[in-house]
């Protein structure tokens, strides 16, 4: 069936209830949620878009934006649309962009780059992309930009290395991004080295570090303590 292309705003709550508001609304607008729930993901899309849902089990699920419930109520649990296990959390939701590449990484500090076209799932059960075992879980899924990778561990150590050190794969455990004595990965991102590495400080201001020589090293090394003013939640953005 033909789908009319219309603007929508996708809203997914912390508890995983999803809905599509008509039009591109102000993303800072206050919305209603169930008691004890709140906003998690809010972004603009089109009714013709396909949405990629990445679970902490390392699986990608595909949802047609046109199938999302309307924005008049609180929506429906996303788990009713895809077979996301109860023990798995939603890591992120993205609008599919053909030709784009994604950085995926686990809490163990392993990761790789995957072509976005390879993660589209044809069934409700999704597609296994990042292999995780035991206590490890999928933690990061971000569009790839630029020539460099930055990772930060729970120990607040930051490591920067070239994107060319990361393999491109369709599925697997990946390669070690950063070494930890104990603890795990907190976050990872890609960026253009000439522009510097940016993050939001605790006051909400964007800070950019252009001289990254102190944190630059080979992939799978330990890294150095994060710069002053790095967020307490150990996230780049």
Protein backbone atom coordinates (compact mmCIF):
# COMPACT_ATOMS: atom_id res chain seq x y z
CA UNK A 1 0.00 0.00 0.00
CA UNK A 2 1.16 3.51 -0.79
CA UNK A 3 1.97 5.65 2.24
CA UNK A 4 1.55 9.43 2.08
CA UNK A 5 4.75 11.13 3.18
CA UNK A 6 3.87 13.31 6.13
CA UNK A 7 5.95 14.79 8.97
CA UNK A 8 5.65 13.14 12.40
CA UNK A 9 7.40 13.39 15.74
CA UNK A 10 8.30 10.01 17.24
CA UNK A 11 8.03 9.88 21.03
CA UNK A 12 9.26 6.91 23.07
CA UNK A 13 9.03 6.93 26.85
CA UNK A 14 11.46 5.55 29.44
CA UNK A 15 9.17 2.54 29.86
CA UNK A 16 9.16 1.91 26.10
CA UNK A 17 5.74 3.29 25.13
CA UNK A 18 5.90 4.72 21.61
CA UNK A 19 3.62 7.03 19.59
CA UNK A 20 3.75 9.33 16.55
CA UNK A 21 2.59 12.92 16.96
CA UNK A 22 1.34 14.63 13.81
CA UNK A 23 3.79 17.18 12.39
CA UNK A 24 7.25 18.23 13.53
CA UNK A 25 6.55 19.57 17.01
CA UNK A 26 8.94 21.52 19.24
CA UNK A 27 11.23 18.84 20.70
CA UNK A 28 11.47 20.74 23.99
CA UNK A 29 7.70 20.88 24.42
CA UNK A 30 6.32 19.26 27.55
CA UNK A 31 4.39 16.07 26.77
CA UNK A 32 2.13 13.86 28.85
CA UNK A 33 3.25 10.44 30.02
CA UNK A 34 1.87 7.78 32.33
CA UNK A 35 2.51 8.22 36.06
CA UNK A 36 6.10 7.26 36.85
CA UNK A 37 7.11 7.45 33.19
CA UNK A 38 8.87 10.19 31.22
CA UNK A 39 10.53 11.06 27.90
CA UNK A 40 13.43 9.00 26.53
CA UNK A 41 13.61 9.46 22.74
CA UNK A 42 11.93 12.31 20.84
CA UNK A 43 12.84 13.06 17.21
CA UNK A 44 11.39 14.20 13.89
CA UNK A 45 10.67 11.68 11.13
CA UNK A 46 8.36 11.05 8.15
CA UNK A 47 5.55 8.50 7.84
CA UNK A 48 7.53 6.79 5.03
CA UNK A 49 10.58 6.21 7.27
CA UNK A 50 11.73 2.92 8.71
CA UNK A 51 12.90 3.06 12.31
CA UNK A 52 15.78 1.00 13.66
CA UNK A 53 15.43 -0.13 17.29
CA UNK A 54 18.66 -1.42 18.88
CA UNK A 55 18.25 -3.61 21.96
CA UNK A 56 20.75 -4.31 24.75
CA UNK A 57 20.69 -7.93 23.51
CA UNK A 58 22.60 -6.75 20.42
CA UNK A 59 19.65 -7.21 18.05
CA UNK A 60 18.24 -4.65 15.61
CA UNK A 61 14.50 -4.45 15.03
CA UNK A 62 12.80 -2.59 12.17
CA UNK A 63 9.50 -0.71 12.61
CA UNK A 64 7.62 1.19 9.91
CA UNK A 65 6.88 4.72 11.11
CA UNK A 66 3.45 4.50 9.45
CA UNK A 67 2.54 1.64 11.83
CA UNK A 68 3.14 3.65 15.01
CA UNK A 69 0.05 4.48 17.10
CA UNK A 70 -1.18 8.07 16.93
CA UNK A 71 -0.22 10.76 19.39
CA UNK A 72 -3.61 11.36 21.01
CA UNK A 73 -3.05 8.82 23.79
CA UNK A 74 0.07 7.50 25.51
CA UNK A 75 0.89 5.17 22.62
CA UNK A 76 1.62 1.44 22.89
CA UNK A 77 4.51 -0.59 24.27
CA UNK A 78 7.15 -1.02 21.58
CA UNK A 79 7.47 -4.65 22.74
CA UNK A 80 4.04 -5.33 21.20
CA UNK A 81 5.45 -4.46 17.75
CA UNK A 82 8.75 -6.36 17.94
CA UNK A 83 9.92 -9.40 19.88
CA UNK A 84 12.21 -7.52 22.27
CA UNK A 85 12.69 -9.75 25.36
CA UNK A 86 11.59 -8.33 28.71
CA UNK A 87 15.15 -8.48 30.06
CA UNK A 88 16.47 -6.42 27.11
CA UNK A 89 16.38 -2.63 27.16
CA UNK A 90 16.07 -0.21 24.25
CA UNK A 91 19.54 1.25 23.62
CA UNK A 92 18.48 3.68 20.90
CA UNK A 93 15.97 4.34 18.11
CA UNK A 94 17.17 5.77 14.80
CA UNK A 95 15.58 6.75 11.50
CA UNK A 96 17.09 4.45 8.87
CA UNK A 97 19.34 6.27 6.39
CA UNK A 98 20.49 4.07 3.48
CA UNK A 99 24.26 4.04 3.00
CA UNK A 100 25.04 5.25 6.52
CA UNK A 101 27.30 3.32 8.89
CA UNK A 102 26.88 2.69 12.62
CA UNK A 103 29.33 2.25 15.48
CA UNK A 104 28.09 -0.50 17.82
CA UNK A 105 29.80 -1.44 21.09
CA UNK A 106 29.19 -3.60 24.16
CA UNK A 107 29.70 -2.90 27.85
CA UNK A 108 32.72 -5.22 27.66
CA UNK A 109 34.45 -2.64 25.47
CA UNK A 110 34.20 -4.55 22.18
CA UNK A 111 32.80 -3.03 19.02
CA UNK A 112 32.88 -2.52 15.26
CA UNK A 113 31.37 -0.53 12.40
CA UNK A 114 28.35 -2.01 10.59
CA UNK A 115 26.71 -0.77 7.36
CA UNK A 116 23.21 0.37 8.28
CA UNK A 117 21.71 -1.41 5.27
CA UNK A 118 22.93 -4.71 6.77
CA UNK A 119 20.98 -4.33 10.05
CA UNK A 120 17.48 -4.04 8.58
CA UNK A 121 15.35 -6.88 9.94
CA UNK A 122 12.60 -8.53 7.91
CA UNK A 123 10.78 -10.13 10.87
CA UNK A 124 9.56 -9.21 14.34
CA UNK A 125 12.35 -11.24 15.92
CA UNK A 126 14.94 -8.76 14.66
CA UNK A 127 18.49 -9.37 13.47
CA UNK A 128 21.41 -10.31 15.73
CA UNK A 129 24.33 -7.96 14.95
CA UNK A 130 26.44 -7.42 18.09
CA UNK A 131 27.13 -10.68 19.94
CA UNK A 132 26.99 -10.30 23.74
CA UNK A 133 27.30 -12.97 26.43
CA UNK A 134 26.68 -13.29 30.15
CA UNK A 135 26.49 -9.97 31.97
CA UNK A 136 27.68 -8.03 28.92
CA UNK A 137 25.13 -6.00 27.02
CA UNK A 138 24.96 -3.81 23.93
CA UNK A 139 25.54 -0.25 25.05
CA UNK A 140 26.34 2.03 22.09
CA UNK A 141 24.84 2.54 18.64
CA UNK A 142 25.71 5.81 16.89
CA UNK A 143 26.01 6.99 13.29
CA UNK A 144 29.64 7.11 12.16
CA UNK A 145 31.12 10.50 11.27
CA UNK A 146 34.67 11.67 10.75
CA UNK A 147 38.03 9.92 11.02
CA UNK A 148 38.44 9.28 14.75
CA UNK A 149 36.93 7.21 17.57
CA UNK A 150 36.72 8.29 21.22
CA UNK A 151 35.86 5.87 24.04
CA UNK A 152 35.47 6.41 27.78
CA UNK A 153 35.36 3.73 30.48
CA UNK A 154 33.53 3.64 33.80
CA UNK A 155 36.97 4.50 35.24
CA UNK A 156 36.68 7.91 33.44
CA UNK A 157 39.67 7.14 31.24
CA UNK A 158 39.38 8.47 27.68
CA UNK A 159 41.09 6.96 24.63
CA UNK A 160 41.16 8.43 21.12
CA UNK A 161 42.27 6.43 18.06
CA UNK A 162 41.84 6.39 14.29
CA UNK A 163 38.63 5.07 12.81
CA UNK A 164 40.76 3.02 10.40
CA UNK A 165 41.64 0.77 13.39
CA UNK A 166 38.01 -0.38 13.60
CA UNK A 167 36.87 -3.22 11.30
CA UNK A 168 33.65 -3.11 9.33
CA UNK A 169 31.56 -6.24 9.91
CA UNK A 170 28.01 -7.46 9.43
CA UNK A 171 27.87 -9.36 12.71
CA UNK A 172 30.13 -10.45 15.54
CA UNK A 173 31.60 -9.60 18.91
CA UNK A 174 33.89 -6.97 17.45
CA UNK A 175 37.39 -5.97 18.54
CA UNK A 176 38.58 -4.53 21.83
CA UNK A 177 38.15 -0.74 21.89
CA UNK A 178 39.66 -0.04 25.32
CA UNK A 179 41.42 -2.10 28.01
CA UNK A 180 40.07 -2.23 31.59
CA UNK A 181 41.50 -3.83 34.72
CA UNK A 182 37.98 -4.02 36.01
CA UNK A 183 34.86 -2.06 35.10
CA UNK A 184 33.38 -1.57 31.66
CA UNK A 185 32.75 0.80 28.75
CA UNK A 186 30.65 3.89 29.44
CA UNK A 187 30.38 5.46 25.98
CA UNK A 188 31.92 5.64 22.52
CA UNK A 189 31.56 8.07 19.63
CA UNK A 190 33.14 9.07 16.33
CA UNK A 191 34.22 12.55 15.28
CA UNK A 192 36.43 14.54 12.90
CA UNK A 193 39.83 15.13 14.50
CA UNK A 194 40.25 18.54 12.83
CA UNK A 195 37.03 19.74 14.56
CA UNK A 196 38.03 18.38 17.99
CA UNK A 197 36.10 16.25 20.46
CA UNK A 198 33.00 17.86 21.96
CA UNK A 199 30.85 17.12 25.01
CA UNK A 200 28.39 18.91 27.25
CA UNK A 201 29.72 20.03 30.62
CA UNK A 202 27.55 19.78 33.78
CA UNK A 203 26.20 23.29 33.12
CA UNK A 204 24.91 22.23 29.69
CA UNK A 205 27.56 24.16 27.73
CA UNK A 206 29.28 22.45 24.81
CA UNK A 207 33.03 22.15 25.30
CA UNK A 208 35.46 21.18 22.56
CA UNK A 209 38.97 19.82 23.06
CA UNK A 210 41.13 20.21 19.93
CA UNK A 211 44.50 19.11 21.32
CA UNK A 212 43.88 15.42 21.91
CA UNK A 213 47.51 14.28 22.01
CA UNK A 214 47.24 13.38 25.72
CA UNK A 215 44.40 10.89 25.06
CA UNK A 216 45.53 9.60 21.65
CA UNK A 217 46.82 6.04 21.48
CA UNK A 218 46.40 2.67 19.88
CA UNK A 219 43.03 0.91 19.96
CA UNK A 220 42.70 -1.44 22.97
CA UNK A 221 45.02 0.61 25.21
CA UNK A 222 43.90 1.99 28.58
CA UNK A 223 43.66 5.74 27.88
CA UNK A 224 44.13 8.68 30.26
CA UNK A 225 41.87 10.43 32.78
CA UNK A 226 39.12 12.52 31.18
CA UNK A 227 39.68 16.28 30.73
CA UNK A 228 38.45 18.67 33.44
CA UNK A 229 34.78 19.45 33.03
CA UNK A 230 33.98 16.07 31.45
CA UNK A 231 30.40 15.03 32.36
CA UNK A 232 29.89 13.02 35.53
CA UNK A 233 27.68 10.53 33.65
CA UNK A 234 30.70 9.62 31.47
CA UNK A 235 28.80 10.31 28.23
CA UNK A 236 30.05 12.29 25.25
CA UNK A 237 26.57 13.63 24.43
